[in-house]
C-alpha cells in the first residue's frame, strides 16, 4: 500500500507494523508523542518530570514549526534550532528511560529506538511533524463504519475499502469523485485502461 519507490518518508505513529521501514525514512507523529508525554504526567510518580520536560520541548518544536511553515522563520535558522532541540529531547528520553516508573521508562526506551524518525520534518521540506493528513483522510471511513455497522461479506469489504480509498484520494487531489468514477465506467465499457489515481508528480511523503 505504501508503494515501492525508494527514499520517500512515511509519516506514521509508532505502530510496530512500520518497524520494517528504516528510521531515517520515517516521520513519527508528534501529536501521538505528545499523548505519550501527557500520559507520563498523568501517571505521576517518578515519571512525571520526564513527561513535563518532553511536553515542554514539544511545545517549542511546534512553535518553531508553525513559524517556519507560515513564513516568519527561515529554514537556515530553523535547522540549527531543531538540532539543539533534538539534543535536549534525546537527553530527556535517556533520563526518562532510567527513571523509577516502569511504564515511562519503557516508553522512553521505545521512542529512543526510532529517535532518528522524529526529525525528518526538520530535514526534508514538505514533511510535517504529524500524520494528521492520514487521520483526516480516515475520518470519513470511521464515521461511515460507525453509523452503518460495516459490511457482511468479503466482497462487500473489498468494494467499500476500494471506494473509500478512491474518495479519500480524489479529495486530496481536488478531483471530483463522481466524475472520476464515471470515467472509470466509460473506460471499462470501451475496453480502455482505467484512469490512474496516482498524482502526476510523486510526493515526498506518504502518510500511514
N, C-alpha and C. Protein backbone atom coordinates (compact mmCIF):
# COMPACT_ATOMS: atom_id res chain seq x y z
N UNK A 1 0.82 -1.22 0.00
CA UNK A 1 0.00 0.00 0.00
C UNK A 1 0.85 1.26 0.00
N UNK A 2 2.03 1.21 0.61
CA UNK A 2 2.90 2.38 0.67
C UNK A 2 3.74 2.55 -0.58
N UNK A 3 3.68 1.54 -1.48
CA UNK A 3 4.46 1.64 -2.71
C UNK A 3 5.88 1.15 -2.54
N UNK A 4 6.61 1.14 -3.63
CA UNK A 4 7.97 0.59 -3.62
C UNK A 4 9.03 1.61 -4.01
N UNK A 5 8.64 2.87 -4.18
CA UNK A 5 9.61 3.89 -4.54
C UNK A 5 10.57 4.12 -3.37
N UNK A 6 11.90 4.16 -3.63
CA UNK A 6 12.86 4.37 -2.55
C UNK A 6 12.91 5.83 -2.12
N UNK A 7 13.48 6.05 -0.96
CA UNK A 7 13.78 7.38 -0.46
C UNK A 7 12.55 8.27 -0.36
N UNK A 8 11.47 7.72 0.16
CA UNK A 8 10.28 8.50 0.47
C UNK A 8 9.99 8.37 1.96
N UNK A 9 9.60 9.46 2.57
CA UNK A 9 9.35 9.48 4.01
C UNK A 9 7.92 9.04 4.29
N UNK A 10 7.77 8.10 5.20
CA UNK A 10 6.45 7.62 5.62
C UNK A 10 6.12 8.26 6.97
N UNK A 11 5.04 9.01 7.03
CA UNK A 11 4.60 9.62 8.29
C UNK A 11 3.60 8.70 8.96
N UNK A 12 3.87 8.34 10.21
CA UNK A 12 3.01 7.39 10.91
C UNK A 12 3.17 7.54 12.41
N UNK A 13 2.38 6.76 13.14
CA UNK A 13 2.60 6.67 14.58
C UNK A 13 3.68 5.61 14.83
N UNK A 14 3.80 5.15 16.08
CA UNK A 14 4.87 4.19 16.40
C UNK A 14 4.40 2.73 16.32
N UNK A 15 3.29 2.48 15.63
CA UNK A 15 2.76 1.13 15.50
C UNK A 15 3.85 0.19 14.97
N UNK A 16 4.00 -0.97 15.62
CA UNK A 16 5.11 -1.88 15.31
C UNK A 16 5.09 -2.39 13.88
N UNK A 17 3.95 -2.33 13.20
CA UNK A 17 3.88 -2.81 11.82
C UNK A 17 4.76 -2.00 10.88
N UNK A 18 5.18 -0.80 11.31
CA UNK A 18 6.02 0.05 10.46
C UNK A 18 7.51 -0.09 10.77
N UNK A 19 7.87 -1.02 11.63
CA UNK A 19 9.25 -1.13 12.05
C UNK A 19 10.18 -1.62 10.95
N UNK A 20 9.62 -2.19 9.86
CA UNK A 20 10.45 -2.63 8.74
C UNK A 20 11.01 -1.43 7.96
N UNK A 21 10.44 -0.25 8.17
CA UNK A 21 10.91 0.95 7.48
C UNK A 21 12.06 1.55 8.28
N UNK A 22 13.17 1.83 7.61
CA UNK A 22 14.32 2.43 8.29
C UNK A 22 13.91 3.75 8.92
N UNK A 23 14.42 4.00 10.13
CA UNK A 23 14.02 5.20 10.88
C UNK A 23 14.29 6.48 10.09
N UNK A 24 15.34 6.48 9.27
CA UNK A 24 15.66 7.71 8.54
C UNK A 24 14.62 8.04 7.47
N UNK A 25 13.78 7.06 7.11
CA UNK A 25 12.73 7.29 6.13
C UNK A 25 11.35 7.33 6.78
N UNK A 26 11.33 7.63 8.08
CA UNK A 26 10.06 7.76 8.79
C UNK A 26 9.94 9.14 9.42
N UNK A 27 8.72 9.59 9.59
CA UNK A 27 8.42 10.74 10.43
C UNK A 27 7.40 10.29 11.45
N UNK A 28 7.87 10.11 12.69
CA UNK A 28 6.97 9.71 13.77
C UNK A 28 6.09 10.89 14.14
N UNK A 29 4.81 10.62 14.29
CA UNK A 29 3.84 11.70 14.56
C UNK A 29 4.03 12.29 15.96
N UNK A 30 4.30 13.58 15.99
CA UNK A 30 4.50 14.26 17.27
C UNK A 30 3.20 14.47 18.04
N UNK A 31 2.07 14.47 17.34
CA UNK A 31 0.80 14.56 18.06
C UNK A 31 0.59 13.32 18.92
N UNK A 32 0.96 12.15 18.39
CA UNK A 32 0.88 10.91 19.17
C UNK A 32 1.89 10.93 20.31
N UNK A 33 3.09 11.46 20.03
CA UNK A 33 4.11 11.52 21.08
C UNK A 33 3.64 12.40 22.24
N UNK A 34 2.99 13.50 21.93
CA UNK A 34 2.50 14.40 22.98
C UNK A 34 1.50 13.69 23.88
N UNK A 35 0.71 12.78 23.31
CA UNK A 35 -0.21 11.99 24.15
C UNK A 35 0.58 11.09 25.10
N UNK A 36 1.68 10.53 24.58
CA UNK A 36 2.54 9.70 25.44
C UNK A 36 3.11 10.55 26.58
N UNK A 37 3.56 11.76 26.26
CA UNK A 37 4.15 12.62 27.28
C UNK A 37 3.10 13.02 28.33
N UNK A 38 1.89 13.31 27.87
CA UNK A 38 0.83 13.67 28.82
C UNK A 38 0.48 12.48 29.71
N UNK A 39 0.53 11.27 29.15
CA UNK A 39 0.25 10.08 29.96
C UNK A 39 1.29 9.92 31.06
N UNK A 40 2.56 10.26 30.77
CA UNK A 40 3.61 10.21 31.80
C UNK A 40 3.27 11.16 32.93
N UNK A 41 2.79 12.34 32.58
CA UNK A 41 2.43 13.34 33.60
C UNK A 41 1.23 12.86 34.42
N UNK A 42 0.23 12.33 33.73
CA UNK A 42 -1.00 11.89 34.41
C UNK A 42 -0.75 10.73 35.37
N UNK A 43 0.24 9.88 35.04
CA UNK A 43 0.55 8.76 35.94
C UNK A 43 1.20 9.25 37.23
N UNK A 44 1.84 10.41 37.16
CA UNK A 44 2.51 10.93 38.34
C UNK A 44 3.74 10.12 38.69
N UNK A 45 4.20 10.27 39.90
CA UNK A 45 5.34 9.49 40.36
C UNK A 45 6.65 9.90 39.71
N UNK A 46 7.57 8.95 39.63
CA UNK A 46 8.92 9.23 39.17
C UNK A 46 8.98 9.63 37.70
N UNK A 47 7.97 9.26 36.93
CA UNK A 47 7.99 9.57 35.51
C UNK A 47 7.42 10.93 35.16
N UNK A 48 6.77 11.59 36.12
CA UNK A 48 6.10 12.86 35.84
C UNK A 48 7.06 13.94 35.35
N UNK A 49 8.24 14.14 35.98
CA UNK A 49 9.16 15.18 35.49
C UNK A 49 9.60 14.95 34.05
N UNK A 50 9.79 13.70 33.68
CA UNK A 50 10.16 13.39 32.29
C UNK A 50 9.07 13.82 31.34
N UNK A 51 7.83 13.49 31.68
CA UNK A 51 6.70 13.89 30.84
C UNK A 51 6.60 15.39 30.71
N UNK A 52 6.79 16.10 31.80
CA UNK A 52 6.70 17.56 31.79
C UNK A 52 7.80 18.16 30.90
N UNK A 53 9.00 17.63 31.03
CA UNK A 53 10.11 18.13 30.21
C UNK A 53 9.86 17.89 28.73
N UNK A 54 9.46 16.67 28.38
CA UNK A 54 9.23 16.33 26.98
C UNK A 54 8.07 17.11 26.39
N UNK A 55 7.02 17.31 27.17
CA UNK A 55 5.88 18.07 26.66
C UNK A 55 6.27 19.52 26.41
N UNK A 56 7.07 20.09 27.32
CA UNK A 56 7.54 21.47 27.14
C UNK A 56 8.42 21.58 25.89
N UNK A 57 9.26 20.60 25.66
CA UNK A 57 10.10 20.59 24.46
C UNK A 57 9.27 20.48 23.20
N UNK A 58 8.19 19.70 23.28
CA UNK A 58 7.31 19.57 22.11
C UNK A 58 6.59 20.88 21.83
N UNK A 59 6.29 21.67 22.87
CA UNK A 59 5.70 22.99 22.67
C UNK A 59 6.66 23.87 21.85
N UNK A 60 7.93 23.82 22.21
CA UNK A 60 8.93 24.60 21.47
C UNK A 60 9.02 24.13 20.03
N UNK A 61 8.96 22.82 19.83
CA UNK A 61 9.03 22.27 18.48
C UNK A 61 7.90 22.82 17.61
N UNK A 62 6.67 22.74 18.10
CA UNK A 62 5.54 23.19 17.29
C UNK A 62 5.54 24.71 17.11
N UNK A 63 6.01 25.44 18.12
CA UNK A 63 6.10 26.89 17.97
C UNK A 63 7.03 27.24 16.81
N UNK A 64 8.19 26.60 16.77
CA UNK A 64 9.14 26.86 15.68
C UNK A 64 8.63 26.34 14.35
N UNK A 65 7.97 25.17 14.37
CA UNK A 65 7.45 24.62 13.13
C UNK A 65 6.40 25.54 12.51
N UNK A 66 5.50 26.04 13.33
CA UNK A 66 4.46 26.93 12.81
C UNK A 66 5.09 28.21 12.23
N UNK A 67 6.17 28.67 12.85
CA UNK A 67 6.83 29.87 12.35
C UNK A 67 7.50 29.62 10.99
N UNK A 68 8.16 28.49 10.84
CA UNK A 68 8.84 28.22 9.56
C UNK A 68 7.83 27.85 8.48
N UNK A 69 6.74 27.20 8.87
CA UNK A 69 5.72 26.83 7.90
C UNK A 69 4.97 28.05 7.38
N UNK A 70 4.69 28.99 8.28
CA UNK A 70 3.88 30.15 7.91
C UNK A 70 4.70 31.34 7.44
N UNK A 71 6.02 31.26 7.54
CA UNK A 71 6.83 32.29 6.90
C UNK A 71 7.75 33.14 7.74
N UNK A 72 7.44 33.53 8.97
CA UNK A 72 8.33 34.45 9.68
C UNK A 72 9.74 33.90 9.92
N UNK A 73 9.87 32.57 10.03
CA UNK A 73 11.16 31.95 10.32
C UNK A 73 11.70 31.28 9.07
N UNK A 74 12.99 31.49 8.77
CA UNK A 74 13.58 30.87 7.58
C UNK A 74 14.22 29.53 7.95
N UNK A 75 14.42 28.69 6.93
CA UNK A 75 14.94 27.34 7.15
C UNK A 75 16.38 27.36 7.67
N UNK A 76 17.14 28.40 7.31
CA UNK A 76 18.52 28.49 7.78
C UNK A 76 18.59 28.66 9.30
N UNK A 77 17.59 29.31 9.86
CA UNK A 77 17.51 29.47 11.32
C UNK A 77 16.83 28.28 11.97
N UNK A 78 15.82 27.74 11.29
CA UNK A 78 15.04 26.63 11.82
C UNK A 78 15.91 25.38 12.03
N UNK A 79 16.78 25.08 11.07
CA UNK A 79 17.61 23.87 11.16
C UNK A 79 18.44 23.79 12.43
N UNK A 80 19.26 24.81 12.71
CA UNK A 80 20.06 24.79 13.94
C UNK A 80 19.22 24.71 15.21
N UNK A 81 18.05 25.37 15.20
CA UNK A 81 17.17 25.29 16.37
C UNK A 81 16.71 23.85 16.61
N UNK A 82 16.37 23.16 15.53
CA UNK A 82 15.93 21.77 15.67
C UNK A 82 17.07 20.85 16.08
N UNK A 83 18.29 21.18 15.64
CA UNK A 83 19.44 20.38 16.06
C UNK A 83 19.64 20.47 17.56
N UNK A 84 19.53 21.70 18.11
CA UNK A 84 19.65 21.87 19.56
C UNK A 84 18.50 21.19 20.28
N UNK A 85 17.30 21.34 19.74
CA UNK A 85 16.13 20.72 20.37
C UNK A 85 16.24 19.20 20.37
N UNK A 86 16.78 18.66 19.28
CA UNK A 86 16.94 17.21 19.19
C UNK A 86 17.84 16.70 20.31
N UNK A 87 18.94 17.42 20.59
CA UNK A 87 19.83 17.01 21.67
C UNK A 87 19.12 17.02 23.01
N UNK A 88 18.29 18.04 23.23
CA UNK A 88 17.55 18.14 24.50
C UNK A 88 16.51 17.03 24.63
N UNK A 89 15.83 16.73 23.54
CA UNK A 89 14.82 15.67 23.57
C UNK A 89 15.48 14.33 23.83
N UNK A 90 16.58 14.08 23.15
CA UNK A 90 17.28 12.81 23.34
C UNK A 90 17.76 12.66 24.79
N UNK A 91 18.30 13.75 25.36
CA UNK A 91 18.77 13.69 26.74
C UNK A 91 17.61 13.42 27.69
N UNK A 92 16.46 14.05 27.44
CA UNK A 92 15.29 13.83 28.29
C UNK A 92 14.81 12.38 28.19
N UNK A 93 14.85 11.83 26.98
CA UNK A 93 14.44 10.44 26.79
C UNK A 93 15.41 9.48 27.49
N UNK A 94 16.70 9.77 27.41
CA UNK A 94 17.69 8.93 28.08
C UNK A 94 17.48 8.94 29.59
N UNK A 95 17.23 10.12 30.12
CA UNK A 95 16.99 10.22 31.57
C UNK A 95 15.68 9.52 31.93
N UNK A 96 14.67 9.68 31.09
CA UNK A 96 13.39 9.03 31.35
C UNK A 96 13.48 7.52 31.30
N UNK A 97 14.35 7.00 30.43
CA UNK A 97 14.49 5.54 30.32
C UNK A 97 15.11 4.93 31.57
N UNK A 98 15.65 5.77 32.45
CA UNK A 98 16.28 5.29 33.69
C UNK A 98 15.51 5.72 34.93
N UNK A 99 14.32 6.32 34.71
CA UNK A 99 13.56 6.80 35.86
C UNK A 99 12.92 5.62 36.60
N UNK A 100 12.32 5.92 37.75
CA UNK A 100 11.76 4.86 38.58
C UNK A 100 10.40 4.35 38.15
N UNK A 101 9.80 4.95 37.13
CA UNK A 101 8.49 4.49 36.66
C UNK A 101 8.68 3.53 35.49
N UNK A 102 8.23 2.30 35.65
CA UNK A 102 8.48 1.27 34.64
C UNK A 102 7.84 1.62 33.29
N UNK A 103 6.60 2.12 33.32
CA UNK A 103 5.91 2.41 32.06
C UNK A 103 6.54 3.60 31.33
N UNK A 104 6.89 4.63 32.07
CA UNK A 104 7.55 5.78 31.45
C UNK A 104 8.92 5.38 30.92
N UNK A 105 9.65 4.59 31.68
CA UNK A 105 10.95 4.11 31.24
C UNK A 105 10.84 3.31 29.95
N UNK A 106 9.84 2.43 29.86
CA UNK A 106 9.65 1.61 28.67
C UNK A 106 9.28 2.46 27.46
N UNK A 107 8.43 3.46 27.68
CA UNK A 107 8.03 4.34 26.57
C UNK A 107 9.23 5.11 26.04
N UNK A 108 10.03 5.65 26.93
CA UNK A 108 11.23 6.39 26.51
C UNK A 108 12.19 5.49 25.75
N UNK A 109 12.35 4.27 26.22
CA UNK A 109 13.25 3.32 25.55
C UNK A 109 12.75 3.02 24.14
N UNK A 110 11.45 2.83 23.98
CA UNK A 110 10.87 2.53 22.67
C UNK A 110 11.01 3.73 21.72
N UNK A 111 10.81 4.93 22.24
CA UNK A 111 10.96 6.12 21.39
C UNK A 111 12.41 6.29 20.96
N UNK A 112 13.33 6.00 21.86
CA UNK A 112 14.75 6.12 21.52
C UNK A 112 15.15 5.19 20.37
N UNK A 113 14.49 4.06 20.25
CA UNK A 113 14.81 3.12 19.18
C UNK A 113 14.51 3.70 17.80
N UNK A 114 13.55 4.62 17.74
CA UNK A 114 13.19 5.23 16.45
C UNK A 114 13.47 6.74 16.48
N UNK A 115 14.40 7.15 17.33
CA UNK A 115 14.64 8.59 17.55
C UNK A 115 14.96 9.33 16.25
N UNK A 116 15.68 8.72 15.34
CA UNK A 116 16.00 9.38 14.08
C UNK A 116 14.73 9.72 13.30
N UNK A 117 13.70 8.91 13.48
CA UNK A 117 12.46 9.12 12.77
C UNK A 117 11.60 10.24 13.34
N UNK A 118 12.09 10.92 14.37
CA UNK A 118 11.34 12.04 14.93
C UNK A 118 11.63 13.35 14.20
N UNK A 119 12.66 13.35 13.32
CA UNK A 119 13.18 14.63 12.85
C UNK A 119 13.22 14.79 11.33
N UNK A 120 12.55 13.95 10.59
CA UNK A 120 12.55 14.09 9.13
C UNK A 120 11.97 15.44 8.71
N UNK A 121 10.98 15.93 9.45
CA UNK A 121 10.34 17.20 9.09
C UNK A 121 11.33 18.37 9.13
N UNK A 122 12.41 18.22 9.92
CA UNK A 122 13.39 19.28 10.05
C UNK A 122 14.47 19.20 8.98
N UNK A 123 14.47 18.10 8.21
CA UNK A 123 15.50 17.91 7.18
C UNK A 123 14.94 17.93 5.77
N UNK A 124 13.66 17.57 5.61
CA UNK A 124 13.06 17.47 4.28
C UNK A 124 11.90 18.45 4.19
N UNK A 125 12.02 19.42 3.31
CA UNK A 125 10.95 20.40 3.14
C UNK A 125 9.71 19.70 2.58
N UNK A 126 8.57 19.99 3.17
CA UNK A 126 7.32 19.37 2.75
C UNK A 126 6.81 18.32 3.71
N UNK A 127 7.69 17.86 4.61
CA UNK A 127 7.29 16.88 5.62
C UNK A 127 6.74 17.63 6.83
N UNK A 128 5.64 17.15 7.39
CA UNK A 128 5.08 17.74 8.59
C UNK A 128 5.40 16.87 9.80
N UNK A 129 5.40 17.44 11.00
CA UNK A 129 5.74 16.66 12.19
C UNK A 129 4.62 15.76 12.70
N UNK A 130 3.46 15.77 12.05
CA UNK A 130 2.36 14.90 12.45
C UNK A 130 1.84 14.13 11.24
N UNK A 131 1.03 13.11 11.51
CA UNK A 131 0.36 12.40 10.41
C UNK A 131 -1.12 12.77 10.37
N UNK A 132 -1.42 14.03 10.65
CA UNK A 132 -2.80 14.49 10.68
C UNK A 132 -3.49 14.34 9.33
N UNK A 133 -2.72 14.40 8.24
CA UNK A 133 -3.33 14.24 6.91
C UNK A 133 -3.98 12.86 6.79
N UNK A 134 -3.29 11.83 7.31
CA UNK A 134 -3.86 10.48 7.27
C UNK A 134 -5.07 10.36 8.17
N UNK A 135 -4.98 11.00 9.34
CA UNK A 135 -6.11 10.96 10.27
C UNK A 135 -7.36 11.61 9.65
N UNK A 136 -7.14 12.73 8.95
CA UNK A 136 -8.27 13.40 8.30
C UNK A 136 -8.84 12.55 7.18
N UNK A 137 -7.95 11.88 6.43
CA UNK A 137 -8.41 11.04 5.32
C UNK A 137 -9.24 9.86 5.82
N UNK A 138 -8.92 9.36 7.02
CA UNK A 138 -9.62 8.21 7.58
C UNK A 138 -10.93 8.58 8.26
N UNK A 139 -11.10 9.84 8.58
CA UNK A 139 -12.25 10.26 9.38
C UNK A 139 -13.58 9.87 8.73
N UNK A 140 -13.71 10.10 7.42
CA UNK A 140 -14.96 9.78 6.73
C UNK A 140 -15.26 8.29 6.84
N UNK A 141 -14.21 7.44 6.66
CA UNK A 141 -14.41 5.99 6.73
C UNK A 141 -14.80 5.54 8.13
N UNK A 142 -14.19 6.16 9.14
CA UNK A 142 -14.51 5.80 10.53
C UNK A 142 -15.96 6.15 10.86
N UNK A 143 -16.39 7.33 10.43
CA UNK A 143 -17.78 7.74 10.68
C UNK A 143 -18.74 6.82 9.93
N UNK A 144 -18.42 6.50 8.67
CA UNK A 144 -19.28 5.61 7.89
C UNK A 144 -19.42 4.25 8.57
N UNK A 145 -18.31 3.70 9.04
CA UNK A 145 -18.35 2.38 9.70
C UNK A 145 -19.20 2.43 10.96
N UNK A 146 -19.10 3.53 11.70
CA UNK A 146 -19.83 3.67 12.96
C UNK A 146 -21.34 3.70 12.73
N UNK A 147 -21.79 4.43 11.71
CA UNK A 147 -23.23 4.58 11.51
C UNK A 147 -23.83 3.47 10.66
N UNK A 148 -22.99 2.73 9.92
CA UNK A 148 -23.51 1.69 9.03
C UNK A 148 -23.40 0.29 9.62
N UNK A 149 -22.47 0.12 10.54
CA UNK A 149 -22.24 -1.21 11.08
C UNK A 149 -21.26 -2.04 10.27
N UNK A 150 -20.66 -1.44 9.26
CA UNK A 150 -19.67 -2.17 8.47
C UNK A 150 -20.29 -3.04 7.39
N UNK A 151 -19.57 -4.06 6.96
CA UNK A 151 -20.02 -4.94 5.88
C UNK A 151 -20.28 -6.35 6.40
N UNK A 152 -20.98 -7.15 5.59
CA UNK A 152 -21.33 -8.51 5.99
C UNK A 152 -20.67 -9.59 5.13
N UNK A 153 -19.84 -9.17 4.17
CA UNK A 153 -19.24 -10.17 3.28
C UNK A 153 -17.86 -9.72 2.84
N UNK A 154 -17.07 -10.69 2.39
CA UNK A 154 -15.74 -10.39 1.87
C UNK A 154 -15.85 -9.46 0.66
N UNK A 155 -16.79 -9.76 -0.23
CA UNK A 155 -16.98 -8.94 -1.42
C UNK A 155 -17.38 -7.51 -1.05
N UNK A 156 -18.25 -7.38 -0.07
CA UNK A 156 -18.65 -6.05 0.37
C UNK A 156 -17.49 -5.27 0.97
N UNK A 157 -16.64 -5.95 1.72
CA UNK A 157 -15.48 -5.30 2.33
C UNK A 157 -14.53 -4.78 1.26
N UNK A 158 -14.29 -5.60 0.21
CA UNK A 158 -13.41 -5.17 -0.87
C UNK A 158 -13.98 -3.96 -1.60
N UNK A 159 -15.30 -3.97 -1.82
CA UNK A 159 -15.94 -2.83 -2.51
C UNK A 159 -15.81 -1.56 -1.68
N UNK A 160 -16.09 -1.66 -0.38
CA UNK A 160 -16.06 -0.48 0.48
C UNK A 160 -14.64 0.07 0.61
N UNK A 161 -13.66 -0.81 0.83
CA UNK A 161 -12.30 -0.32 1.03
C UNK A 161 -11.79 0.40 -0.22
N UNK A 162 -12.14 -0.14 -1.40
CA UNK A 162 -11.69 0.49 -2.64
C UNK A 162 -12.41 1.80 -2.90
N UNK A 163 -13.70 1.82 -2.64
CA UNK A 163 -14.47 3.04 -2.87
C UNK A 163 -14.03 4.15 -1.92
N UNK A 164 -13.83 3.80 -0.65
CA UNK A 164 -13.38 4.81 0.31
C UNK A 164 -11.98 5.32 -0.02
N UNK A 165 -11.13 4.44 -0.55
CA UNK A 165 -9.78 4.86 -0.97
C UNK A 165 -9.87 5.85 -2.12
N UNK A 166 -10.77 5.57 -3.06
CA UNK A 166 -10.97 6.48 -4.19
C UNK A 166 -11.46 7.84 -3.69
N UNK A 167 -12.43 7.83 -2.78
CA UNK A 167 -12.98 9.08 -2.25
C UNK A 167 -11.90 9.91 -1.57
N UNK A 168 -11.12 9.27 -0.71
CA UNK A 168 -10.07 10.00 0.03
C UNK A 168 -9.01 10.53 -0.92
N UNK A 169 -8.61 9.73 -1.91
CA UNK A 169 -7.57 10.15 -2.84
C UNK A 169 -8.04 11.31 -3.71
N UNK A 170 -9.27 11.22 -4.22
CA UNK A 170 -9.81 12.31 -5.04
C UNK A 170 -9.89 13.60 -4.25
N UNK A 171 -10.29 13.51 -3.00
CA UNK A 171 -10.40 14.71 -2.18
C UNK A 171 -9.04 15.36 -1.97
N UNK A 172 -8.02 14.55 -1.74
CA UNK A 172 -6.68 15.10 -1.53
C UNK A 172 -6.13 15.74 -2.79
N UNK A 173 -6.56 15.25 -3.95
CA UNK A 173 -6.07 15.79 -5.22
C UNK A 173 -7.00 16.86 -5.80
N UNK A 174 -8.10 17.15 -5.08
CA UNK A 174 -9.03 18.15 -5.57
C UNK A 174 -9.80 17.69 -6.80
N UNK A 175 -10.02 16.38 -6.92
CA UNK A 175 -10.74 15.84 -8.07
C UNK A 175 -12.17 15.49 -7.68
N UNK A 176 -13.07 15.57 -8.65
CA UNK A 176 -14.47 15.24 -8.41
C UNK A 176 -14.64 13.72 -8.40
N UNK A 177 -15.16 13.18 -7.31
CA UNK A 177 -15.27 11.72 -7.17
C UNK A 177 -16.20 11.13 -8.22
N UNK A 178 -17.37 11.75 -8.40
CA UNK A 178 -18.35 11.23 -9.36
C UNK A 178 -17.79 11.26 -10.78
N UNK A 179 -17.10 12.34 -11.12
CA UNK A 179 -16.52 12.43 -12.46
C UNK A 179 -15.46 11.35 -12.67
N UNK A 180 -14.65 11.09 -11.63
CA UNK A 180 -13.62 10.06 -11.77
C UNK A 180 -14.26 8.68 -11.93
N UNK A 181 -15.26 8.35 -11.10
CA UNK A 181 -15.91 7.04 -11.20
C UNK A 181 -16.61 6.88 -12.55
N UNK A 182 -17.21 7.96 -13.03
CA UNK A 182 -17.86 7.91 -14.36
C UNK A 182 -16.84 7.61 -15.44
N UNK A 183 -15.68 8.24 -15.35
CA UNK A 183 -14.63 7.99 -16.35
C UNK A 183 -14.13 6.55 -16.28
N UNK A 184 -14.15 5.96 -15.07
CA UNK A 184 -13.74 4.56 -14.94
C UNK A 184 -14.73 3.63 -15.65
N UNK A 185 -16.02 3.86 -15.43
CA UNK A 185 -17.04 3.04 -16.08
C UNK A 185 -16.98 3.19 -17.61
N UNK A 186 -16.78 4.42 -18.06
CA UNK A 186 -16.72 4.65 -19.50
C UNK A 186 -15.50 3.96 -20.11
N UNK A 187 -14.35 4.04 -19.43
CA UNK A 187 -13.14 3.40 -19.93
C UNK A 187 -13.31 1.89 -19.98
N UNK A 188 -13.91 1.32 -18.93
CA UNK A 188 -14.13 -0.13 -18.91
C UNK A 188 -15.09 -0.56 -20.03
N UNK A 189 -16.12 0.23 -20.25
CA UNK A 189 -17.10 -0.08 -21.30
C UNK A 189 -16.46 -0.05 -22.68
N UNK A 190 -15.50 0.84 -22.87
CA UNK A 190 -14.85 0.98 -24.17
C UNK A 190 -13.59 0.13 -24.31
N UNK A 191 -13.29 -0.66 -23.26
CA UNK A 191 -12.11 -1.52 -23.31
C UNK A 191 -10.81 -0.76 -23.17
N UNK A 192 -10.86 0.43 -22.55
CA UNK A 192 -9.68 1.27 -22.36
C UNK A 192 -9.12 1.08 -20.95
N UNK A 193 -7.85 1.45 -20.72
CA UNK A 193 -7.27 1.37 -19.37
C UNK A 193 -8.04 2.27 -18.40
N UNK A 194 -8.17 1.81 -17.17
CA UNK A 194 -8.84 2.60 -16.14
C UNK A 194 -7.98 3.82 -15.80
N UNK A 195 -8.56 5.02 -15.71
CA UNK A 195 -7.77 6.22 -15.36
C UNK A 195 -7.04 6.04 -14.03
N UNK A 196 -5.82 6.50 -14.00
CA UNK A 196 -5.00 6.35 -12.80
C UNK A 196 -5.36 7.37 -11.74
N UNK A 197 -5.20 6.95 -10.49
CA UNK A 197 -5.38 7.87 -9.36
C UNK A 197 -4.04 8.37 -8.83
N UNK A 198 -2.94 7.91 -9.43
CA UNK A 198 -1.63 8.36 -8.97
C UNK A 198 -1.43 9.81 -9.34
N UNK A 199 -0.82 10.61 -8.46
CA UNK A 199 -0.56 12.02 -8.79
C UNK A 199 0.44 12.12 -9.92
N UNK A 200 0.42 13.21 -10.65
CA UNK A 200 1.33 13.38 -11.78
C UNK A 200 2.78 13.47 -11.33
N UNK A 201 3.01 13.97 -10.11
CA UNK A 201 4.37 14.02 -9.54
C UNK A 201 4.35 13.25 -8.24
N UNK A 202 5.38 12.42 -8.01
CA UNK A 202 5.43 11.59 -6.82
C UNK A 202 5.65 12.44 -5.58
N UNK A 203 4.85 12.25 -4.52
CA UNK A 203 5.03 13.02 -3.29
C UNK A 203 6.28 12.57 -2.55
N UNK A 204 6.81 13.48 -1.74
CA UNK A 204 7.97 13.14 -0.93
C UNK A 204 7.58 12.33 0.29
N UNK A 205 6.36 12.54 0.75
CA UNK A 205 5.92 11.89 1.97
C UNK A 205 4.68 11.05 1.73
N UNK A 206 4.57 9.98 2.49
CA UNK A 206 3.37 9.16 2.48
C UNK A 206 2.90 9.02 3.91
N UNK A 207 1.61 9.12 4.11
CA UNK A 207 1.08 9.02 5.45
C UNK A 207 0.45 7.65 5.67
N UNK A 208 0.58 7.16 6.91
CA UNK A 208 0.03 5.85 7.23
C UNK A 208 -0.66 5.92 8.57
